[in-house]
Protein backbone atom coordinates (compact mmCIF):
# COMPACT_ATOMS: atom_id res chain seq x y z
CA MET A 1 14.45 -39.98 4.02
CA VAL A 2 14.80 -42.13 1.09
CA GLU A 3 18.07 -42.60 -0.69
CA THR A 4 20.08 -44.42 -2.75
CA THR A 5 23.05 -45.89 -1.76
CA ASP A 6 25.50 -48.98 -1.41
CA ALA A 7 22.66 -50.37 0.67
CA GLY A 8 22.35 -54.41 0.20
CA LYS A 9 25.96 -55.34 -0.87
CA GLY A 10 27.23 -57.29 2.15
CA HIS A 11 25.51 -59.39 4.48
CA GLY A 12 26.20 -56.56 7.22
CA SER A 13 22.96 -54.59 5.88
CA GLY A 14 20.63 -58.10 5.83
CA ALA A 15 21.53 -59.38 2.32
CA TRP A 16 21.99 -63.11 1.94
CA ARG A 17 22.07 -65.44 -0.76
CA THR A 18 21.01 -69.33 -0.10
CA ASP A 19 24.07 -70.35 -2.14
CA ASP A 20 26.42 -69.31 0.53
CA SER A 21 24.83 -68.68 3.77
CA GLY A 22 23.47 -72.36 4.57
CA GLY A 23 19.56 -72.24 3.04
CA ALA A 24 17.13 -73.53 5.98
CA GLU A 25 19.54 -74.41 8.13
CA GLY A 26 21.25 -70.85 8.12
CA LEU A 27 18.04 -69.77 9.29
CA THR A 28 17.21 -72.35 11.75
CA ARG A 29 17.42 -72.00 15.84
CA ARG A 30 17.10 -75.54 17.26
CA LEU A 31 15.22 -75.32 20.95
CA SER A 32 17.22 -76.52 23.84
CA ALA A 33 15.72 -79.09 26.11
CA ALA A 34 15.12 -75.79 28.70
CA HIS A 35 13.74 -73.79 25.95
CA ILE A 36 10.87 -77.01 26.08
CA ALA A 37 10.48 -77.15 29.83
CA ALA A 38 9.62 -73.49 29.81
CA LEU A 39 7.22 -73.94 26.89
CA ASP A 40 5.48 -76.68 28.85
CA ALA A 41 5.25 -75.13 31.72
CA ALA A 42 3.64 -72.09 30.00
CA VAL A 43 1.04 -73.98 28.14
CA ALA A 44 0.23 -75.34 31.06
CA ALA A 45 -0.51 -72.52 33.07
CA THR A 46 -2.69 -71.07 30.34
CA GLN A 47 -4.79 -74.04 30.26
CA GLY A 48 -8.36 -72.81 29.52
CA ARG A 49 -7.52 -69.50 28.24
CA GLU A 50 -7.97 -67.84 24.87
CA ALA A 51 -4.91 -67.95 23.14
CA THR A 52 -5.52 -64.77 22.23
CA ASP A 53 -5.45 -63.47 25.67
CA VAL A 54 -2.25 -64.80 26.23
CA THR A 55 0.88 -62.50 26.88
CA ALA A 56 4.63 -62.36 26.82
CA ASP A 57 4.61 -62.90 30.27
CA ASP A 58 2.88 -65.63 30.63
CA PHE A 59 5.93 -67.09 28.10
CA GLY A 60 8.36 -64.97 30.50
CA ALA A 61 10.65 -67.91 31.73
CA ALA A 62 14.11 -67.09 31.36
CA PRO A 63 14.95 -69.12 28.11
CA LEU A 64 12.48 -67.69 26.55
CA VAL A 65 12.75 -64.24 26.77
CA GLU A 66 16.48 -65.00 25.81
CA LEU A 67 15.15 -67.17 22.94
CA MET A 68 12.79 -64.47 21.68
CA ALA A 69 15.49 -61.63 22.06
CA ALA A 70 17.73 -63.67 19.50
CA VAL A 71 14.93 -63.83 17.57
CA ARG A 72 14.18 -60.52 16.88
CA TRP A 73 17.96 -59.51 16.79
CA ASP A 74 17.65 -62.00 13.39
CA ILE A 75 14.35 -60.54 12.34
CA MET A 76 15.51 -56.61 12.63
CA ALA A 77 19.52 -56.93 12.21
CA GLY A 78 20.05 -59.83 10.86
CA ARG A 79 18.80 -62.03 7.55
CA GLY A 80 15.21 -60.85 8.68
CA ALA A 81 14.04 -64.18 9.21
CA VAL A 82 14.10 -67.56 11.92
CA LEU A 83 13.18 -70.77 11.80
CA LEU A 84 12.35 -72.48 15.41
CA SER A 85 12.75 -76.18 15.49
CA GLY A 86 12.35 -78.89 17.98
CA ILE A 87 8.58 -78.41 19.05
CA ASP A 88 6.58 -81.77 19.27
CA LEU A 89 3.10 -80.79 18.49
CA GLY A 90 1.93 -83.81 20.21
CA ARG A 91 2.71 -82.58 23.40
CA TYR A 92 0.28 -79.69 23.51
CA GLY A 93 -2.60 -80.40 21.12
CA PRO A 94 -3.81 -77.77 18.72
CA GLU A 95 -5.03 -75.05 21.43
CA GLY A 96 -1.93 -75.37 23.31
CA PHE A 97 0.21 -74.73 20.18
CA LYS A 98 -2.04 -71.89 19.46
CA ARG A 99 -1.31 -70.21 22.84
CA LEU A 100 2.86 -71.18 22.47
CA HIS A 101 2.76 -69.49 19.05
CA PHE A 102 0.87 -66.47 20.08
CA GLY A 103 2.75 -66.35 23.57
CA LEU A 104 6.25 -65.96 21.71
CA GLY A 105 4.91 -63.53 18.92
CA ALA A 106 3.61 -61.49 21.92
CA HIS A 107 7.99 -60.59 22.77
CA LEU A 108 7.95 -59.33 19.48
CA GLY A 109 4.85 -57.54 18.75
CA ALA A 110 1.11 -56.54 19.01
CA ALA A 111 -1.44 -59.18 16.72
CA ALA A 112 -3.25 -57.54 14.21
CA PRO A 113 -6.65 -58.52 13.17
CA GLN A 114 -6.43 -60.32 9.84
CA SER A 115 -9.82 -59.71 8.24
CA ALA A 116 -13.18 -58.13 8.72
CA ARG A 117 -13.85 -61.09 10.96
CA GLN A 118 -11.06 -59.76 13.34
CA ASP A 119 -9.00 -62.38 13.53
CA ARG A 120 -5.60 -62.36 15.22
CA ILE A 121 -4.82 -65.97 14.70
CA GLY A 122 -5.39 -66.80 10.87
CA PHE A 123 -5.69 -70.07 9.72
CA VAL A 124 -3.54 -70.60 6.26
CA ARG A 125 -5.65 -73.43 4.91
CA LYS A 126 -7.66 -73.52 1.60
CA GLU A 127 -11.64 -73.19 2.11
CA PRO A 128 -14.12 -70.97 0.13
CA SER A 129 -13.21 -66.71 0.11
CA PRO A 130 -15.52 -64.78 -1.46
CA GLU A 131 -12.56 -61.63 -1.53
CA LEU A 132 -10.30 -64.23 -3.07
CA ARG A 133 -7.72 -63.99 -0.39
CA GLY A 134 -4.47 -65.77 -1.62
CA TYR A 135 -4.09 -67.32 1.88
CA LEU A 136 -7.09 -69.19 1.93
CA SER A 137 -6.47 -70.90 -1.56
CA ASP A 138 -4.18 -74.13 -2.84
CA THR A 139 -2.69 -72.23 -6.11
CA GLU A 140 1.05 -71.26 -5.80
CA LEU A 141 1.98 -67.29 -4.50
CA GLY A 142 4.93 -65.98 -5.82
CA PRO A 143 7.23 -63.93 -4.09
CA HIS A 144 5.54 -60.96 -1.98
CA THR A 145 5.43 -58.90 0.86
CA ASP A 146 2.03 -58.80 3.13
CA TYR A 147 1.09 -55.65 5.43
CA HIS A 148 2.56 -55.75 8.51
CA GLU A 149 6.09 -55.48 9.74
CA VAL A 150 6.59 -59.13 11.57
CA LEU A 151 4.99 -62.10 10.13
CA SER A 152 4.83 -65.44 11.73
CA LEU A 153 3.63 -68.70 10.66
CA ALA A 154 2.96 -72.50 12.91
CA SER A 155 2.83 -75.70 10.73
CA VAL A 156 -0.08 -77.64 12.34
CA VAL A 157 -0.96 -80.31 8.97
CA ALA A 158 1.43 -80.13 6.09
CA ALA A 159 0.46 -81.06 2.62
CA ARG A 160 0.73 -84.08 1.02
CA GLU A 161 1.81 -82.75 -1.86
CA GLY A 162 3.91 -79.30 -2.48
CA GLY A 163 3.41 -76.22 -0.12
CA VAL A 164 7.24 -75.54 -0.14
CA SER A 165 7.80 -71.70 0.83
CA GLY A 166 10.71 -69.74 -0.44
CA PHE A 167 12.36 -66.68 1.18
CA VAL A 168 14.24 -64.13 -0.63
CA SER A 169 16.11 -61.00 1.14
CA ALA A 170 14.84 -57.59 -0.31
CA ALA A 171 18.55 -56.34 -0.04
CA ALA A 172 19.98 -59.15 -2.07
CA VAL A 173 17.40 -58.43 -4.95
CA TYR A 174 18.56 -54.68 -4.35
CA ALA A 175 22.21 -55.60 -4.66
CA ALA A 176 21.64 -58.02 -8.00
CA MET A 177 19.84 -54.95 -9.68
CA GLN A 178 22.11 -52.49 -8.16
CA ALA A 179 24.65 -54.37 -10.27
CA GLU A 180 22.74 -55.53 -13.49
CA CYS A 181 20.48 -53.12 -14.12
CA PRO A 182 20.54 -49.84 -11.91
CA ASP A 183 18.25 -47.78 -13.81
CA LEU A 184 15.32 -49.52 -13.10
CA LEU A 185 15.91 -49.20 -9.36
CA ALA A 186 14.54 -45.59 -10.25
CA PRO A 187 10.54 -46.26 -10.87
CA LEU A 188 10.70 -48.89 -8.18
CA LEU A 189 12.37 -46.11 -5.36
CA GLU A 190 9.99 -43.73 -6.61
CA GLY A 191 6.95 -46.30 -6.38
CA TYR A 192 3.30 -45.73 -7.05
CA TYR A 193 -0.07 -44.58 -5.08
CA TYR A 194 -1.67 -47.36 -2.93
CA PRO A 195 -5.21 -48.01 -2.09
CA THR A 196 -7.04 -46.44 0.97
CA GLY A 197 -10.26 -47.94 0.29
CA LEU A 198 -12.01 -49.24 -2.70
CA ASP A 199 -12.51 -46.22 -4.42
CA SER A 200 -9.73 -43.95 -3.08
CA VAL A 201 -5.72 -43.69 -3.15
CA THR A 202 -2.89 -42.18 -1.09
CA ASP A 203 -2.09 -38.62 -1.80
CA TYR A 204 1.29 -39.73 -2.12
CA LYS A 205 3.55 -42.60 -3.61
CA VAL A 206 4.55 -45.79 -1.20
CA PRO A 207 8.23 -46.93 -2.86
CA SER A 208 8.38 -50.55 -3.91
CA PHE A 209 12.32 -50.23 -2.87
CA ALA A 210 13.56 -47.98 -0.06
CA VAL A 211 16.74 -47.57 1.69
CA VAL A 212 16.26 -45.22 5.12
CA ASP A 213 19.68 -45.39 7.29
CA GLY A 214 21.21 -47.60 5.03
CA ARG A 215 18.67 -49.98 5.12
CA VAL A 216 16.56 -51.95 2.35
CA THR A 217 13.08 -52.06 2.66
CA LEU A 218 10.62 -53.75 -0.01
CA TYR A 219 7.06 -53.14 -0.35
CA ASN A 220 5.74 -55.68 -2.86
CA TYR A 221 2.43 -56.18 -2.84
CA VAL A 222 1.17 -55.45 -6.98
CA ILE A 223 -2.01 -55.89 -6.45
CA PHE A 224 -2.71 -52.98 -4.77
CA ILE A 225 -0.52 -51.06 -7.65
CA SER A 226 -2.94 -52.76 -9.93
CA GLN A 227 -5.96 -51.78 -8.57
CA ALA A 228 -4.70 -48.05 -7.52
CA ALA A 229 -4.02 -47.59 -10.99
CA ALA A 230 -7.62 -48.53 -11.82
CA ILE A 231 -8.78 -46.48 -9.29
CA ARG A 232 -6.94 -43.52 -10.77
CA GLY A 233 -8.43 -44.13 -14.48
CA GLU A 234 -4.68 -44.66 -16.04
CA PRO A 235 -2.23 -47.33 -16.58
CA VAL A 236 0.70 -48.48 -14.75
CA PRO A 237 3.44 -46.42 -15.45
CA PRO A 238 5.19 -48.43 -18.13
CA ARG A 239 8.70 -47.81 -16.91
CA LEU A 240 7.51 -49.11 -13.33
CA VAL A 241 6.35 -52.69 -14.92
CA GLU A 242 9.30 -53.04 -16.80
CA ALA A 243 10.94 -52.86 -13.40
CA LEU A 244 8.62 -54.46 -11.28
CA ARG A 245 9.38 -57.64 -13.69
CA ALA A 246 12.88 -57.42 -13.82
CA MET A 247 12.80 -57.82 -9.65
CA PHE A 248 10.40 -60.93 -9.86
CA LYS A 249 12.47 -62.30 -11.95
CA VAL A 250 15.75 -61.74 -10.17
CA ALA A 251 13.72 -62.73 -6.77
CA ALA A 252 12.79 -66.39 -8.32
CA ARG A 253 16.61 -66.78 -8.82
CA PRO A 254 17.54 -70.28 -7.02
CA GLU A 255 20.63 -69.01 -5.64
CA LEU A 256 18.58 -66.00 -3.60
CA MET A 257 15.38 -68.16 -2.64
CA THR A 258 15.75 -70.38 0.45
CA ARG A 259 12.99 -72.94 0.16
CA PHE A 260 11.65 -75.02 2.69
CA THR A 261 8.42 -77.58 4.09
CA LEU A 262 7.30 -76.01 7.31
CA GLN A 263 6.97 -79.22 9.41
CA PRO A 264 4.01 -79.54 11.83
CA GLY A 265 5.48 -77.84 14.94
CA GLU A 266 7.65 -75.72 12.94
CA ILE A 267 7.51 -71.80 13.64
CA VAL A 268 8.95 -69.07 11.30
CA PHE A 269 9.62 -65.24 12.08
CA TRP A 270 10.73 -62.92 9.81
CA HIS A 271 10.58 -59.20 8.70
CA ASN A 272 7.77 -58.59 6.14
CA PHE A 273 10.05 -55.58 4.44
CA ARG A 274 13.34 -57.02 4.49
CA VAL A 275 12.49 -60.75 3.08
CA MET A 276 9.72 -61.55 0.35
CA HIS A 277 7.90 -64.95 1.07
CA SER A 278 6.18 -67.37 -1.29
CA ARG A 279 5.11 -70.69 -1.92
CA THR A 280 4.02 -73.37 -4.37
CA ALA A 281 0.45 -74.99 -5.16
CA PHE A 282 -0.49 -77.59 -3.09
CA LYS A 283 -2.72 -80.80 -2.57
CA ASN A 284 -4.62 -81.93 -0.22
CA GLU A 285 -5.99 -85.31 0.93
CA PRO A 286 -8.98 -86.41 3.13
CA GLY A 287 -7.94 -86.61 6.53
CA ARG A 288 -4.89 -84.75 5.82
CA GLU A 289 -5.57 -81.06 4.75
CA ARG A 290 -2.57 -77.96 4.86
CA LEU A 291 -2.86 -76.08 7.99
CA LEU A 292 -0.77 -73.10 9.37
CA LEU A 293 -1.11 -70.74 12.23
CA ARG A 294 -0.68 -67.03 10.76
CA LEU A 295 0.66 -63.67 13.21
CA TRP A 296 0.65 -60.33 11.78
CA LEU A 297 2.91 -58.37 14.23
CA ASN A 298 2.84 -54.41 14.95
CA ALA A 299 6.55 -54.55 16.04
CA HIS A 300 7.44 -53.44 19.46
CA GLU A 301 10.51 -52.38 18.14
CA GLY A 302 10.72 -52.33 14.28
CA VAL A 303 13.33 -50.45 11.56
CA PRO A 304 13.40 -47.29 9.49
CA MET A 305 10.82 -47.60 6.61
CA ALA A 306 9.09 -45.16 4.10
CA LYS A 307 6.26 -43.41 4.26
CA GLY A 308 3.30 -46.22 3.41
CA PHE A 309 4.47 -49.05 4.86
CA ARG A 310 3.73 -48.73 8.31
CA GLU A 311 0.79 -45.94 7.31
CA THR A 312 -0.65 -49.13 5.37
CA ALA A 313 -0.86 -51.75 8.48
CA ALA A 314 -2.51 -49.16 10.58
CA LEU A 315 -5.65 -48.44 8.02
CA LEU A 316 -5.80 -52.36 7.79
CA ASP A 317 -5.98 -52.77 11.28
CA ARG A 318 -8.68 -49.85 11.54
CA GLN A 319 -10.59 -51.26 8.79
CA HIS A 320 -10.53 -54.95 10.32
CA SER A 321 -10.98 -53.54 13.61
CA ALA A 322 -14.78 -52.20 11.86
CA GLY A 323 -15.41 -55.25 10.22
CA THR A 324 -14.26 -53.55 6.97
CA SER A 325 -11.63 -54.53 4.58
CA MET A 326 -10.03 -53.17 1.38
CA LEU A 327 -8.32 -56.40 0.77
CA VAL A 328 -11.17 -57.63 -1.63
CA ASN A 329 -10.27 -59.70 -4.86
CA THR A 330 -12.08 -60.65 -7.91
CA PRO A 331 -10.89 -62.10 -10.82
CA GLU A 332 -10.47 -59.77 -13.21
CA SER A 333 -8.18 -57.96 -10.07
CA LEU A 334 -5.89 -60.96 -9.69
CA ARG A 335 -5.18 -61.16 -13.45
CA ALA A 336 -4.37 -57.78 -13.93
CA ALA A 337 -1.95 -58.05 -10.92
CA TYR A 338 -0.75 -60.67 -12.55
CA GLU A 339 -0.23 -59.43 -16.22
CA LEU A 340 1.49 -56.21 -14.12
CA VAL A 341 4.55 -58.60 -13.72
CA HIS A 342 4.50 -61.48 -16.01
CA GLY A 343 2.84 -59.80 -19.40
């Protein structure tokens, strides 16, 4: 059931502001010597194995089980995001770090394929992309959600310049709009159709904001909205356009947005529908090209959400497992999505 409530008011609902929650430091868990020793042993024990074959049991030492239980709480019941700091990338090398990242992620969910290439570990970097996927570009990515319940990034190489990440609490954005423009919440709670392929859409509307059992979640991927409208041969409803533009302005406020640059060895996990993420443009230099590892995780234990949130992830999983994808952009579709929220 989706309902409007006073959700979003107060930290108990997951709403937080960077100006009163410690910023990135408030999201950080620093690993102890016991954690590092357990990681050393797990990486050594899995030497020679493919990272995607690693399981939670392989990284099942007591300190790591306790750590990832705390991370799960942070994501599902706390602020919705946590940054793990204190890992020395040089101890493990690229392949060992991949196993480490995948093994920790396995405590939270099952890794999903991220494209028609069926890659369960994604490489976030600048490279040619016929589908014009944002994570393979060096351009700015505004506050948005992706598709699966839990997401993670692990830094291997930081950019020479830029590449600053941003997190903003969906509940805090909801609370701000509830206080300042409550009439604009209605079209966001109603939502719009989503694509199910390159020429088909859902037979129901997927809400942007949803409040289920008192918990605010948000699906903010406007490319889907503009693509669905094009498939249906109609404009996006004007009231929804107005509401989306207002939401983006609120989400970009510095008092709400926590910004940080993920350093090599650092790992961040977050709930995709409780926390929006963004990234500034970045510049590489020869021998120093920004690279992050990415996981999309279908959570073992999720939170209640509106119809369409998990269903879209399941649809993408089926497509990517079959070597196809509806995540295909064109310059025209990207322009339409940009104009939808910026005018």
